[in-house]
Amino acid sequence: MSEDTQGKTTVSPDVLTTIAKLAALDVPGVSRLAPVSGGVNRFFKRGANDGVRIETHENTVYADLHLVLLQDVNIREVSRNVQQQVARAIQEMVGMEVGEVNIHIEDIDYKDGEA
């Protein structure tokens, strides 16, 4: 094989789901991911049970993350940080463009006895 021979790299949607999940969980204020709820469509979307829904169109990634946050955090700030971290992780690790990272806050985890 010569040095200038180029092959093709494909990235499974499961890999993108894992990258998005780990990047989101690394953001302070995120407690965990929530399973995607409702509708027949959830059976056709990858990562629905992981709280991450990933779709790709022409080398662009569109992500929906369903999060449970810790109590007493600034929801807007945490959401913005998750969007930035997930987009950066996908761009740096797989070189794909990121079209959207939508954040859905599903719940807040309170300390025992405070809910």
PDB file of N, CA and C in Angstrom:
ATOM      1  N   MET A   1       0.829  -1.199   0.000  1.00  0.00           N
ATOM      2  CA  MET A   1       0.000   0.000   0.000  1.00  0.00           C
ATOM      3  C   MET A   1       0.868   1.255   0.000  1.00  0.00           C
ATOM      4  N   SER A   2       0.555   2.162  -0.856  1.00  0.00           N
ATOM      5  CA  SER A   2       1.350   3.383  -0.895  1.00  0.00           C
ATOM      6  C   SER A   2       0.904   4.340   0.203  1.00  0.00           C
ATOM      7  N   GLU A   3       1.764   5.298   0.480  1.00  0.00           N
ATOM      8  CA  GLU A   3       1.512   6.254   1.556  1.00  0.00           C
ATOM      9  C   GLU A   3       0.295   7.138   1.291  1.00  0.00           C
ATOM     10  N   ASP A   4      -0.045   7.375   0.023  1.00  0.00           N
ATOM     11  CA  ASP A   4      -1.139   8.286  -0.278  1.00  0.00           C
ATOM     12  C   ASP A   4      -2.481   7.577  -0.472  1.00  0.00           C
ATOM     13  N   THR A   5      -2.538   6.283  -0.207  1.00  0.00           N
ATOM     14  CA  THR A   5      -3.796   5.555  -0.318  1.00  0.00           C
ATOM     15  C   THR A   5      -4.708   5.940   0.851  1.00  0.00           C
ATOM     16  N   GLN A   6      -5.910   6.311   0.521  1.00  0.00           N
ATOM     17  CA  GLN A   6      -6.841   6.697   1.568  1.00  0.00           C
ATOM     18  C   GLN A   6      -7.995   5.716   1.611  1.00  0.00           C
ATOM     19  N   GLY A   7      -8.347   5.336   2.817  1.00  0.00           N
ATOM     20  CA  GLY A   7      -9.501   4.478   3.012  1.00  0.00           C
ATOM     21  C   GLY A   7     -10.652   5.298   3.539  1.00  0.00           C
ATOM     22  N   LYS A   8     -11.660   4.606   3.983  1.00  0.00           N
ATOM     23  CA  LYS A   8     -12.864   5.273   4.479  1.00  0.00           C
ATOM     24  C   LYS A   8     -13.067   4.906   5.942  1.00  0.00           C
ATOM     25  N   THR A   9     -13.420   5.870   6.749  1.00  0.00           N
ATOM     26  CA  THR A   9     -13.734   5.628   8.148  1.00  0.00           C
ATOM     27  C   THR A   9     -15.213   5.895   8.351  1.00  0.00           C
ATOM     28  N   THR A  10     -15.894   4.939   8.942  1.00  0.00           N
ATOM     29  CA  THR A  10     -17.294   5.156   9.289  1.00  0.00           C
ATOM     30  C   THR A  10     -17.420   5.102  10.801  1.00  0.00           C
ATOM     31  N   VAL A  11     -18.320   5.891  11.325  1.00  0.00           N
ATOM     32  CA  VAL A  11     -18.531   5.964  12.770  1.00  0.00           C
ATOM     33  C   VAL A  11     -19.960   5.533  13.060  1.00  0.00           C
ATOM     34  N   SER A  12     -20.094   4.524  13.893  1.00  0.00           N
ATOM     35  CA  SER A  12     -21.411   4.029  14.272  1.00  0.00           C
ATOM     36  C   SER A  12     -22.159   5.079  15.088  1.00  0.00           C
ATOM     37  N   PRO A  13     -23.470   5.182  14.913  1.00  0.00           N
ATOM     38  CA  PRO A  13     -24.254   6.080  15.775  1.00  0.00           C
ATOM     39  C   PRO A  13     -24.092   5.745  17.254  1.00  0.00           C
ATOM     40  N   ASP A  14     -23.821   4.479  17.570  1.00  0.00           N
ATOM     41  CA  ASP A  14     -23.611   4.114  18.971  1.00  0.00           C
ATOM     42  C   ASP A  14     -22.368   4.790  19.540  1.00  0.00           C
ATOM     43  N   VAL A  15     -21.347   4.967  18.717  1.00  0.00           N
ATOM     44  CA  VAL A  15     -20.134   5.661  19.154  1.00  0.00           C
ATOM     45  C   VAL A  15     -20.458   7.127  19.431  1.00  0.00           C
ATOM     46  N   LEU A  16     -21.229   7.746  18.541  1.00  0.00           N
ATOM     47  CA  LEU A  16     -21.631   9.143  18.749  1.00  0.00           C
ATOM     48  C   LEU A  16     -22.465   9.293  20.012  1.00  0.00           C
ATOM     49  N   THR A  17     -23.341   8.315  20.251  1.00  0.00           N
ATOM     50  CA  THR A  17     -24.166   8.330  21.470  1.00  0.00           C
ATOM     51  C   THR A  17     -23.286   8.273  22.704  1.00  0.00           C
ATOM     52  N   THR A  18     -22.300   7.393  22.688  1.00  0.00           N
ATOM     53  CA  THR A  18     -21.403   7.252  23.837  1.00  0.00           C
ATOM     54  C   THR A  18     -20.603   8.524  24.066  1.00  0.00           C
ATOM     55  N   ILE A  19     -20.090   9.130  23.004  1.00  0.00           N
ATOM     56  CA  ILE A  19     -19.331  10.375  23.128  1.00  0.00           C
ATOM     57  C   ILE A  19     -20.199  11.468  23.731  1.00  0.00           C
ATOM     58  N   ALA A  20     -21.426  11.615  23.219  1.00  0.00           N
ATOM     59  CA  ALA A  20     -22.329  12.651  23.717  1.00  0.00           C
ATOM     60  C   ALA A  20     -22.671  12.407  25.186  1.00  0.00           C
ATOM     61  N   LYS A  21     -22.941  11.158  25.521  1.00  0.00           N
ATOM     62  CA  LYS A  21     -23.309  10.811  26.903  1.00  0.00           C
ATOM     63  C   LYS A  21     -22.174  11.136  27.869  1.00  0.00           C
ATOM     64  N   LEU A  22     -20.961  10.701  27.544  1.00  0.00           N
ATOM     65  CA  LEU A  22     -19.828  10.941  28.434  1.00  0.00           C
ATOM     66  C   LEU A  22     -19.518  12.431  28.557  1.00  0.00           C
ATOM     67  N   ALA A  23     -19.619  13.160  27.455  1.00  0.00           N
ATOM     68  CA  ALA A  23     -19.360  14.606  27.491  1.00  0.00           C
ATOM     69  C   ALA A  23     -20.396  15.310  28.368  1.00  0.00           C
ATOM     70  N   ALA A  24     -21.654  14.910  28.255  1.00  0.00           N
ATOM     71  CA  ALA A  24     -22.715  15.534  29.061  1.00  0.00           C
ATOM     72  C   ALA A  24     -22.528  15.238  30.538  1.00  0.00           C
ATOM     73  N   LEU A  25     -22.215  13.991  30.866  1.00  0.00           N
ATOM     74  CA  LEU A  25     -22.054  13.606  32.272  1.00  0.00           C
ATOM     75  C   LEU A  25     -20.848  14.271  32.918  1.00  0.00           C
ATOM     76  N   ASP A  26     -19.917  14.749  32.108  1.00  0.00           N
ATOM     77  CA  ASP A  26     -18.711  15.399  32.614  1.00  0.00           C
ATOM     78  C   ASP A  26     -18.948  16.861  32.988  1.00  0.00           C
ATOM     79  N   VAL A  27     -20.109  17.389  32.645  1.00  0.00           N
ATOM     80  CA  VAL A  27     -20.416  18.797  32.934  1.00  0.00           C
ATOM     81  C   VAL A  27     -20.939  18.917  34.364  1.00  0.00           C
ATOM     82  N   PRO A  28     -20.338  19.802  35.169  1.00  0.00           N
ATOM     83  CA  PRO A  28     -20.835  20.002  36.533  1.00  0.00           C
ATOM     84  C   PRO A  28     -22.295  20.426  36.527  1.00  0.00           C
ATOM     85  N   GLY A  29     -23.076  19.824  37.418  1.00  0.00           N
ATOM     86  CA  GLY A  29     -24.499  20.130  37.505  1.00  0.00           C
ATOM     87  C   GLY A  29     -25.378  19.066  36.881  1.00  0.00           C
ATOM     88  N   VAL A  30     -24.798  18.216  36.026  1.00  0.00           N
ATOM     89  CA  VAL A  30     -25.558  17.124  35.419  1.00  0.00           C
ATOM     90  C   VAL A  30     -25.488  15.930  36.367  1.00  0.00           C
ATOM     91  N   SER A  31     -26.657  15.432  36.776  1.00  0.00           N
ATOM     92  CA  SER A  31     -26.719  14.274  37.659  1.00  0.00           C
ATOM     93  C   SER A  31     -26.647  12.980  36.856  1.00  0.00           C
ATOM     94  N   ARG A  32     -27.505  12.897  35.836  1.00  0.00           N
ATOM     95  CA  ARG A  32     -27.574  11.667  35.039  1.00  0.00           C
ATOM     96  C   ARG A  32     -28.388  11.959  33.782  1.00  0.00           C
ATOM     97  N   LEU A  33     -28.464  10.978  32.911  1.00  0.00           N
ATOM     98  CA  LEU A  33     -29.307  11.103  31.729  1.00  0.00           C
ATOM     99  C   LEU A  33     -30.616  10.375  31.989  1.00  0.00           C
ATOM    100  N   ALA A  34     -31.693  10.879  31.406  1.00  0.00           N
ATOM    101  CA  ALA A  34     -33.020  10.295  31.598  1.00  0.00           C
ATOM    102  C   ALA A  34     -33.429   9.569  30.326  1.00  0.00           C
ATOM    103  N   PRO A  35     -34.030   8.387  30.463  1.00  0.00           N
ATOM    104  CA  PRO A  35     -34.514   7.690  29.266  1.00  0.00           C
ATOM    105  C   PRO A  35     -35.479   8.580  28.488  1.00  0.00           C
ATOM    106  N   VAL A  36     -35.405   8.516  27.182  1.00  0.00           N
ATOM    107  CA  VAL A  36     -36.291   9.300  26.323  1.00  0.00           C
ATOM    108  C   VAL A  36     -37.691   8.724  26.455  1.00  0.00           C
ATOM    109  N   SER A  37     -38.649   9.585  26.689  1.00  0.00           N
ATOM    110  CA  SER A  37     -40.003   9.104  26.939  1.00  0.00           C
ATOM    111  C   SER A  37     -40.897   9.242  25.724  1.00  0.00           C
ATOM    112  N   GLY A  38     -41.915   8.398  25.703  1.00  0.00           N
ATOM    113  CA  GLY A  38     -43.074   8.544  24.843  1.00  0.00           C
ATOM    114  C   GLY A  38     -42.907   8.342  23.355  1.00  0.00           C
ATOM    115  N   GLY A  39     -44.012   7.925  22.751  1.00  0.00           N
ATOM    116  CA  GLY A  39     -44.125   7.898  21.304  1.00  0.00           C
ATOM    117  C   GLY A  39     -43.526   6.688  20.630  1.00  0.00           C
ATOM    118  N   VAL A  40     -44.078   6.376  19.480  1.00  0.00           N
ATOM    119  CA  VAL A  40     -43.599   5.258  18.682  1.00  0.00           C
ATOM    120  C   VAL A  40     -42.204   5.558  18.137  1.00  0.00           C
ATOM    121  N   ASN A  41     -41.915   6.827  17.881  1.00  0.00           N
ATOM    122  CA  ASN A  41     -40.633   7.190  17.279  1.00  0.00           C
ATOM    123  C   ASN A  41     -39.438   6.740  18.098  1.00  0.00           C
ATOM    124  N   ARG A  42     -39.601   6.588  19.400  1.00  0.00           N
ATOM    125  CA  ARG A  42     -38.456   6.226  20.219  1.00  0.00           C
ATOM    126  C   ARG A  42     -37.872   4.877  19.813  1.00  0.00           C
ATOM    127  N   PHE A  43     -38.669   4.014  19.200  1.00  0.00           N
ATOM    128  CA  PHE A  43     -38.174   2.700  18.808  1.00  0.00           C
ATOM    129  C   PHE A  43     -37.307   2.771  17.556  1.00  0.00           C
ATOM    130  N   PHE A  44     -37.348   3.888  16.868  1.00  0.00           N
ATOM    131  CA  PHE A  44     -36.588   4.035  15.644  1.00  0.00           C
ATOM    132  C   PHE A  44     -35.391   4.961  15.806  1.00  0.00           C
ATOM    133  N   LYS A  45     -35.170   5.419  17.000  1.00  0.00           N
ATOM    134  CA  LYS A  45     -34.055   6.329  17.254  1.00  0.00           C
ATOM    135  C   LYS A  45     -33.000   5.607  18.080  1.00  0.00           C
ATOM    136  N   ARG A  46     -31.762   5.724  17.676  1.00  0.00           N
ATOM    137  CA  ARG A  46     -30.684   5.096  18.430  1.00  0.00           C
ATOM    138  C   ARG A  46     -30.435   5.861  19.724  1.00  0.00           C
ATOM    139  N   GLY A  47     -30.121   5.125  20.779  1.00  0.00           N
ATOM    140  CA  GLY A  47     -29.738   5.749  22.032  1.00  0.00           C
ATOM    141  C   GLY A  47     -30.891   6.220  22.883  1.00  0.00           C
ATOM    142  N   ALA A  48     -32.110   5.900  22.509  1.00  0.00           N
ATOM    143  CA  ALA A  48     -33.268   6.417  23.238  1.00  0.00           C
ATOM    144  C   ALA A  48     -33.248   6.009  24.704  1.00  0.00           C
ATOM    145  N   ASN A  49     -32.796   4.805  24.991  1.00  0.00           N
ATOM    146  CA  ASN A  49     -32.776   4.349  26.382  1.00  0.00           C
ATOM    147  C   ASN A  49     -31.638   4.962  27.175  1.00  0.00           C
ATOM    148  N   ASP A  50     -30.683   5.570  26.498  1.00  0.00           N
ATOM    149  CA  ASP A  50     -29.543   6.179  27.167  1.00  0.00           C
ATOM    150  C   ASP A  50     -29.743   7.658  27.463  1.00  0.00           C
ATOM    151  N   GLY A  51     -30.889   8.206  27.093  1.00  0.00           N
ATOM    152  CA  GLY A  51     -31.106   9.630  27.298  1.00  0.00           C
ATOM    153  C   GLY A  51     -30.474  10.490  26.220  1.00  0.00           C
ATOM    154  N   VAL A  52     -29.958   9.843  25.177  1.00  0.00           N
ATOM    155  CA  VAL A  52     -29.330  10.560  24.076  1.00  0.00           C
ATOM    156  C   VAL A  52     -29.954  10.061  22.784  1.00  0.00           C
ATOM    157  N   ARG A  53     -30.374  10.989  21.944  1.00  0.00           N
ATOM    158  CA  ARG A  53     -30.909  10.637  20.625  1.00  0.00           C
ATOM    159  C   ARG A  53     -30.001  11.303  19.600  1.00  0.00           C
ATOM    160  N   ILE A  54     -29.431  10.493  18.718  1.00  0.00           N
ATOM    161  CA  ILE A  54     -28.484  10.993  17.711  1.00  0.00           C
ATOM    162  C   ILE A  54     -29.036  10.710  16.325  1.00  0.00           C
ATOM    163  N   GLU A  55     -28.970  11.716  15.468  1.00  0.00           N
ATOM    164  CA  GLU A  55     -29.276  11.521  14.060  1.00  0.00           C
ATOM    165  C   GLU A  55     -28.148  12.159  13.268  1.00  0.00           C
ATOM    166  N   THR A  56     -27.850  11.584  12.109  1.00  0.00           N
ATOM    167  CA  THR A  56     -26.831  12.164  11.243  1.00  0.00           C
ATOM    168  C   THR A  56     -27.412  12.373   9.853  1.00  0.00           C
ATOM    169  N   HIS A  57     -27.045  13.494   9.252  1.00  0.00           N
ATOM    170  CA  HIS A  57     -27.439  13.811   7.881  1.00  0.00           C
ATOM    171  C   HIS A  57     -26.225  14.412   7.192  1.00  0.00           C
ATOM    172  N   GLU A  58     -25.724  13.717   6.176  1.00  0.00           N
ATOM    173  CA  GLU A  58     -24.604  14.226   5.375  1.00  0.00           C
ATOM    174  C   GLU A  58     -23.459  14.750   6.231  1.00  0.00           C
ATOM    175  N   ASN A  59     -22.935  13.898   7.089  1.00  0.00           N
ATOM    176  CA  ASN A  59     -21.773  14.193   7.939  1.00  0.00           C
ATOM    177  C   ASN A  59     -22.026  15.283   8.977  1.00  0.00           C
ATOM    178  N   THR A  60     -23.283  15.569   9.266  1.00  0.00           N
ATOM    179  CA  THR A  60     -23.632  16.517  10.320  1.00  0.00           C
ATOM    180  C   THR A  60     -24.429  15.776  11.381  1.00  0.00           C
ATOM    181  N   VAL A  61     -24.099  16.034  12.647  1.00  0.00           N
ATOM    182  CA  VAL A  61     -24.723  15.354  13.775  1.00  0.00           C
ATOM    183  C   VAL A  61     -25.775  16.260  14.410  1.00  0.00           C
ATOM    184  N   TYR A  62     -26.924  15.667  14.703  1.00  0.00           N
ATOM    185  CA  TYR A  62     -27.999  16.347  15.426  1.00  0.00           C
ATOM    186  C   TYR A  62     -28.269  15.516  16.669  1.00  0.00           C
ATOM    187  N   ALA A  63     -28.185  16.141  17.830  1.00  0.00           N
ATOM    188  CA  ALA A  63     -28.308  15.404  19.088  1.00  0.00           C
ATOM    189  C   ALA A  63     -29.390  16.008  19.972  1.00  0.00           C
ATOM    190  N   ASP A  64     -30.112  15.122  20.641  1.00  0.00           N
ATOM    191  CA  ASP A  64     -31.046  15.506  21.694  1.00  0.00           C
ATOM    192  C   ASP A  64     -30.613  14.783  22.957  1.00  0.00           C
ATOM    193  N   LEU A  65     -30.403  15.537  24.035  1.00  0.00           N
ATOM    194  CA  LEU A  65     -30.001  14.947  25.300  1.00  0.00           C
ATOM    195  C   LEU A  65     -31.075  15.227  26.345  1.00  0.00           C
ATOM    196  N   HIS A  66     -31.472  14.184  27.025  1.00  0.00           N
ATOM    197  CA  HIS A  66     -32.492  14.275  28.071  1.00  0.00           C
ATOM    198  C   HIS A  66     -31.783  14.128  29.406  1.00  0.00           C
ATOM    199  N   LEU A  67     -31.765  15.215  30.183  1.00  0.00           N
ATOM    200  CA  LEU A  67     -30.929  15.283  31.373  1.00  0.00           C
ATOM    201  C   LEU A  67     -31.737  15.407  32.662  1.00  0.00           C
ATOM    202  N   VAL A  68     -31.127  14.904  33.726  1.00  0.00           N
ATOM    203  CA  VAL A  68     -31.581  15.158  35.087  1.00  0.00           C
ATOM    204  C   VAL A  68     -30.447  15.942  35.737  1.00  0.00           C
ATOM    205  N   LEU A  69     -30.764  17.116  36.254  1.00  0.00           N
ATOM    206  CA  LEU A  69     -29.748  17.981  36.845  1.00  0.00           C
ATOM    207  C   LEU A  69     -29.749  17.865  38.360  1.00  0.00           C
ATOM    208  N   LEU A  70     -28.666  18.315  38.953  1.00  0.00           N
ATOM    209  CA  LEU A  70     -28.585  18.401  40.403  1.00  0.00           C
ATOM    210  C   LEU A  70     -29.370  19.627  40.858  1.00  0.00           C
ATOM    211  N   GLN A  71     -29.772  19.612  42.101  1.00  0.00           N
ATOM    212  CA  GLN A  71     -30.512  20.762  42.618  1.00  0.00           C
ATOM    213  C   GLN A  71     -29.601  21.973  42.734  1.00  0.00           C
ATOM    214  N   ASP A  72     -30.213  23.144  42.759  1.00  0.00           N
ATOM    215  CA  ASP A  72     -29.514  24.409  42.979  1.00  0.00           C
ATOM    216  C   ASP A  72     -28.458  24.733  41.924  1.00  0.00           C
ATOM    217  N   VAL A  73     -28.717  24.361  40.675  1.00  0.00           N
ATOM    218  CA  VAL A  73     -27.809  24.760  39.602  1.00  0.00           C
ATOM    219  C   VAL A  73     -28.553  25.711  38.673  1.00  0.00           C
ATOM    220  N   ASN A  74     -27.796  26.497  37.941  1.00  0.00           N
ATOM    221  CA  ASN A  74     -28.376  27.389  36.946  1.00  0.00           C
ATOM    222  C   ASN A  74     -28.649  26.560  35.687  1.00  0.00           C
ATOM    223  N   ILE A  75     -29.914  26.298  35.427  1.00  0.00           N
ATOM    224  CA  ILE A  75     -30.298  25.412  34.336  1.00  0.00           C
ATOM    225  C   ILE A  75     -29.789  25.929  32.996  1.00  0.00           C
ATOM    226  N   ARG A  76     -29.917  27.212  32.761  1.00  0.00           N
ATOM    227  CA  ARG A  76     -29.469  27.785  31.487  1.00  0.00           C
ATOM    228  C   ARG A  76     -27.957  27.605  31.307  1.00  0.00           C
ATOM    229  N   GLU A  77     -27.198  27.860  32.369  1.00  0.00           N
ATOM    230  CA  GLU A  77     -25.741  27.747  32.287  1.00  0.00           C
ATOM    231  C   GLU A  77     -25.307  26.292  32.074  1.00  0.00           C
ATOM    232  N   VAL A  78     -25.904  25.372  32.820  1.00  0.00           N
ATOM    233  CA  VAL A  78     -25.556  23.957  32.672  1.00  0.00           C
ATOM    234  C   VAL A  78     -25.918  23.483  31.259  1.00  0.00           C
ATOM    235  N   SER A  79     -27.088  23.871  30.774  1.00  0.00           N
ATOM    236  CA  SER A  79     -27.513  23.468  29.428  1.00  0.00           C
ATOM    237  C   SER A  79     -26.548  23.975  28.368  1.00  0.00           C
ATOM    238  N   ARG A  80     -26.150  25.220  28.485  1.00  0.00           N
ATOM    239  CA  ARG A  80     -25.211  25.809  27.527  1.00  0.00           C
ATOM    240  C   ARG A  80     -23.864  25.080  27.579  1.00  0.00           C
ATOM    241  N   ASN A  81     -23.402  24.755  28.791  1.00  0.00           N
ATOM    242  CA  ASN A  81     -22.138  24.040  28.941  1.00  0.00           C
ATOM    243  C   ASN A  81     -22.218  22.646  28.314  1.00  0.00           C
ATOM    244  N   VAL A  82     -23.349  21.972  28.486  1.00  0.00           N
ATOM    245  CA  VAL A  82     -23.521  20.645  27.892  1.00  0.00           C
ATOM    246  C   VAL A  82     -23.483  20.762  26.367  1.00  0.00           C
ATOM    247  N   GLN A  83     -24.189  21.741  25.820  1.00  0.00           N
ATOM    248  CA  GLN A  83     -24.190  21.933  24.366  1.00  0.00           C
ATOM    249  C   GLN A  83     -22.767  22.126  23.844  1.00  0.00           C
ATOM    250  N   GLN A  84     -22.007  22.980  24.514  1.00  0.00           N
ATOM    251  CA  GLN A  84     -20.646  23.266  24.067  1.00  0.00           C
ATOM    252  C   GLN A  84     -19.743  22.037  24.195  1.00  0.00           C
ATOM    253  N   GLN A  85     -19.837  21.329  25.319  1.00  0.00           N
ATOM    254  CA  GLN A  85     -18.958  20.174  25.548  1.00  0.00           C
ATOM    255  C   GLN A  85     -19.269  19.030  24.581  1.00  0.00           C
ATOM    256  N   VAL A  86     -20.552  18.777  24.352  1.00  0.00           N
ATOM    257  CA  VAL A  86     -20.937  17.698  23.443  1.00  0.00           C
ATOM    258  C   VAL A  86     -20.491  18.033  22.019  1.00  0.00           C
ATOM    259  N   ALA A  87     -20.741  19.255  21.580  1.00  0.00           N
ATOM    260  CA  ALA A  87     -20.336  19.660  20.228  1.00  0.00           C
ATOM    261  C   ALA A  87     -18.820  19.565  20.073  1.00  0.00           C
ATOM    262  N   ARG A  88     -18.084  20.041  21.057  1.00  0.00           N
ATOM    263  CA  ARG A  88     -16.621  20.003  20.989  1.00  0.00           C
ATOM    264  C   ARG A  88     -16.121  18.556  20.947  1.00  0.00           C
ATOM    265  N   ALA A  89     -16.681  17.692  21.773  1.00  0.00           N
ATOM    266  CA  ALA A  89     -16.240  16.298  21.825  1.00  0.00           C
ATOM    267  C   ALA A  89     -16.472  15.598  20.487  1.00  0.00           C
ATOM    268  N   ILE A  90     -17.634  15.805  19.896  1.00  0.00           N
ATOM    269  CA  ILE A  90     -17.932  15.163  18.609  1.00  0.00           C
ATOM    270  C   ILE A  90     -17.016  15.706  17.518  1.00  0.00           C
ATOM    271  N   GLN A  91     -16.837  17.026  17.484  1.00  0.00           N
ATOM    272  CA  GLN A  91     -15.986  17.622  16.458  1.00  0.00           C
ATOM    273  C   GLN A  91     -14.543  17.151  16.595  1.00  0.00           C
ATOM    274  N   GLU A  92     -14.027  17.110  17.826  1.00  0.00           N
ATOM    275  CA  GLU A  92     -12.625  16.752  18.030  1.00  0.00           C
ATOM    276  C   GLU A  92     -12.373  15.259  17.856  1.00  0.00           C
ATOM    277  N   MET A  93     -13.292  14.417  18.320  1.00  0.00           N
ATOM    278  CA  MET A  93     -13.043  12.979  18.311  1.00  0.00           C
ATOM    279  C   MET A  93     -13.332  12.326  16.968  1.00  0.00           C
ATOM    280  N   VAL A  94     -14.364  12.803  16.253  1.00  0.00           N
ATOM    281  CA  VAL A  94     -14.705  12.155  14.988  1.00  0.00           C
ATOM    282  C   VAL A  94     -14.678  13.095  13.790  1.00  0.00           C
ATOM    283  N   GLY A  95     -14.495  14.382  14.022  1.00  0.00           N
ATOM    284  CA  GLY A  95     -14.354  15.320  12.921  1.00  0.00           C
ATOM    285  C   GLY A  95     -15.637  15.618  12.172  1.00  0.00           C
ATOM    286  N   MET A  96     -16.780  15.318  12.773  1.00  0.00           N
ATOM    287  CA  MET A  96     -18.058  15.608  12.120  1.00  0.00           C
ATOM    288  C   MET A  96     -18.562  16.973  12.566  1.00  0.00           C
ATOM    289  N   GLU A  97     -19.318  17.612  11.696  1.00  0.00           N
ATOM    290  CA  GLU A  97     -19.948  18.877  12.054  1.00  0.00           C
ATOM    291  C   GLU A  97     -21.134  18.601  12.973  1.00  0.00           C
ATOM    292  N   VAL A  98     -21.443  19.568  13.825  1.00  0.00           N
ATOM    293  CA  VAL A  98     -22.583  19.435  14.729  1.00  0.00           C
ATOM    294  C   VAL A  98     -23.608  20.489  14.340  1.00  0.00           C
ATOM    295  N   GLY A  99     -24.795  20.019  13.934  1.00  0.00           N
ATOM    296  CA  GLY A  99     -25.859  20.932  13.535  1.00  0.00           C
ATOM    297  C   GLY A  99     -26.594  21.494  14.734  1.00  0.00           C
ATOM    298  N   GLU A 100     -27.026  20.602  15.624  1.00  0.00           N
ATOM    299  CA  GLU A 100     -27.775  21.025  16.816  1.00  0.00           C
ATOM    300  C   GLU A 100     -27.472  20.086  17.966  1.00  0.00           C
ATOM    301  N   VAL A 101     -27.458  20.664  19.172  1.00  0.00           N
ATOM    302  CA  VAL A 101     -27.454  19.876  20.398  1.00  0.00           C
ATOM    303  C   VAL A 101     -28.601  20.445  21.235  1.00  0.00           C
ATOM    304  N   ASN A 102     -29.720  19.723  21.234  1.00  0.00           N
ATOM    305  CA  ASN A 102     -30.899  20.162  21.975  1.00  0.00           C
ATOM    306  C   ASN A 102     -30.899  19.527  23.357  1.00  0.00           C
ATOM    307  N   ILE A 103     -31.174  20.339  24.362  1.00  0.00           N
ATOM    308  CA  ILE A 103     -31.170  19.879  25.747  1.00  0.00           C
ATOM    309  C   ILE A 103     -32.601  19.847  26.260  1.00  0.00           C
ATOM    310  N   HIS A 104     -32.969  18.728  26.863  1.00  0.00           N
ATOM    311  CA  HIS A 104     -34.288  18.566  27.467  1.00  0.00           C
ATOM    312  C   HIS A 104     -34.076  18.240  28.941  1.00  0.00           C
ATOM    313  N   ILE A 105     -34.502  19.141  29.816  1.00  0.00           N
ATOM    314  CA  ILE A 105     -34.370  18.904  31.256  1.00  0.00           C
ATOM    315  C   ILE A 105     -35.596  18.123  31.704  1.00  0.00           C
ATOM    316  N   GLU A 106     -35.385  16.886  32.123  1.00  0.00           N
ATOM    317  CA  GLU A 106     -36.488  15.996  32.482  1.00  0.00           C
ATOM    318  C   GLU A 106     -36.814  16.022  33.971  1.00  0.00           C
ATOM    319  N   ASP A 107     -35.818  16.328  34.814  1.00  0.00           N
ATOM    320  CA  ASP A 107     -36.054  16.283  36.260  1.00  0.00           C
ATOM    321  C   ASP A 107     -34.877  16.919  36.979  1.00  0.00           C
ATOM    322  N   ILE A 108     -35.055  17.112  38.273  1.00  0.00           N
ATOM    323  CA  ILE A 108     -34.007  17.596  39.169  1.00  0.00           C
ATOM    324  C   ILE A 108     -33.833  16.550  40.255  1.00  0.00           C
ATOM    325  N   ASP A 109     -32.596  16.175  40.537  1.00  0.00           N
ATOM    326  CA  ASP A 109     -32.329  15.258  41.647  1.00  0.00           C
ATOM    327  C   ASP A 109     -32.125  16.077  42.911  1.00  0.00           C
ATOM    328  N   TYR A 110     -33.010  15.866  43.885  1.00  0.00           N
ATOM    329  CA  TYR A 110     -32.904  16.537  45.175  1.00  0.00           C
ATOM    330  C   TYR A 110     -32.244  15.603  46.170  1.00  0.00           C
ATOM    331  N   LYS A 111     -31.615  16.211  47.173  1.00  0.00           N
ATOM    332  CA  LYS A 111     -31.060  15.393  48.254  1.00  0.00           C
ATOM    333  C   LYS A 111     -32.205  14.714  48.981  1.00  0.00           C
ATOM    334  N   ASP A 112     -31.945  13.597  49.614  1.00  0.00           N
ATOM    335  CA  ASP A 112     -32.973  12.828  50.308  1.00  0.00           C
ATOM    336  C   ASP A 112     -33.818  13.709  51.220  1.00  0.00           C
ATOM    337  N   GLY A 113     -35.124  13.594  51.109  1.00  0.00           N
ATOM    338  CA  GLY A 113     -36.045  14.288  52.003  1.00  0.00           C
ATOM    339  C   GLY A 113     -36.349  15.710  51.640  1.00  0.00           C
ATOM    340  N   GLU A 114     -35.815  16.216  50.519  1.00  0.00           N
ATOM    341  CA  GLU A 114     -36.042  17.619  50.172  1.00  0.00           C
ATOM    342  C   GLU A 114     -37.022  17.815  49.025  1.00  0.00           C
ATOM    343  N   ALA A 115     -37.486  16.741  48.425  1.00  0.00           N
ATOM    344  CA  ALA A 115     -38.366  16.869  47.257  1.00  0.00           C
ATOM    345  C   ALA A 115     -39.774  17.233  47.664  1.00  0.00           C
TER     346      ALA A 115
END
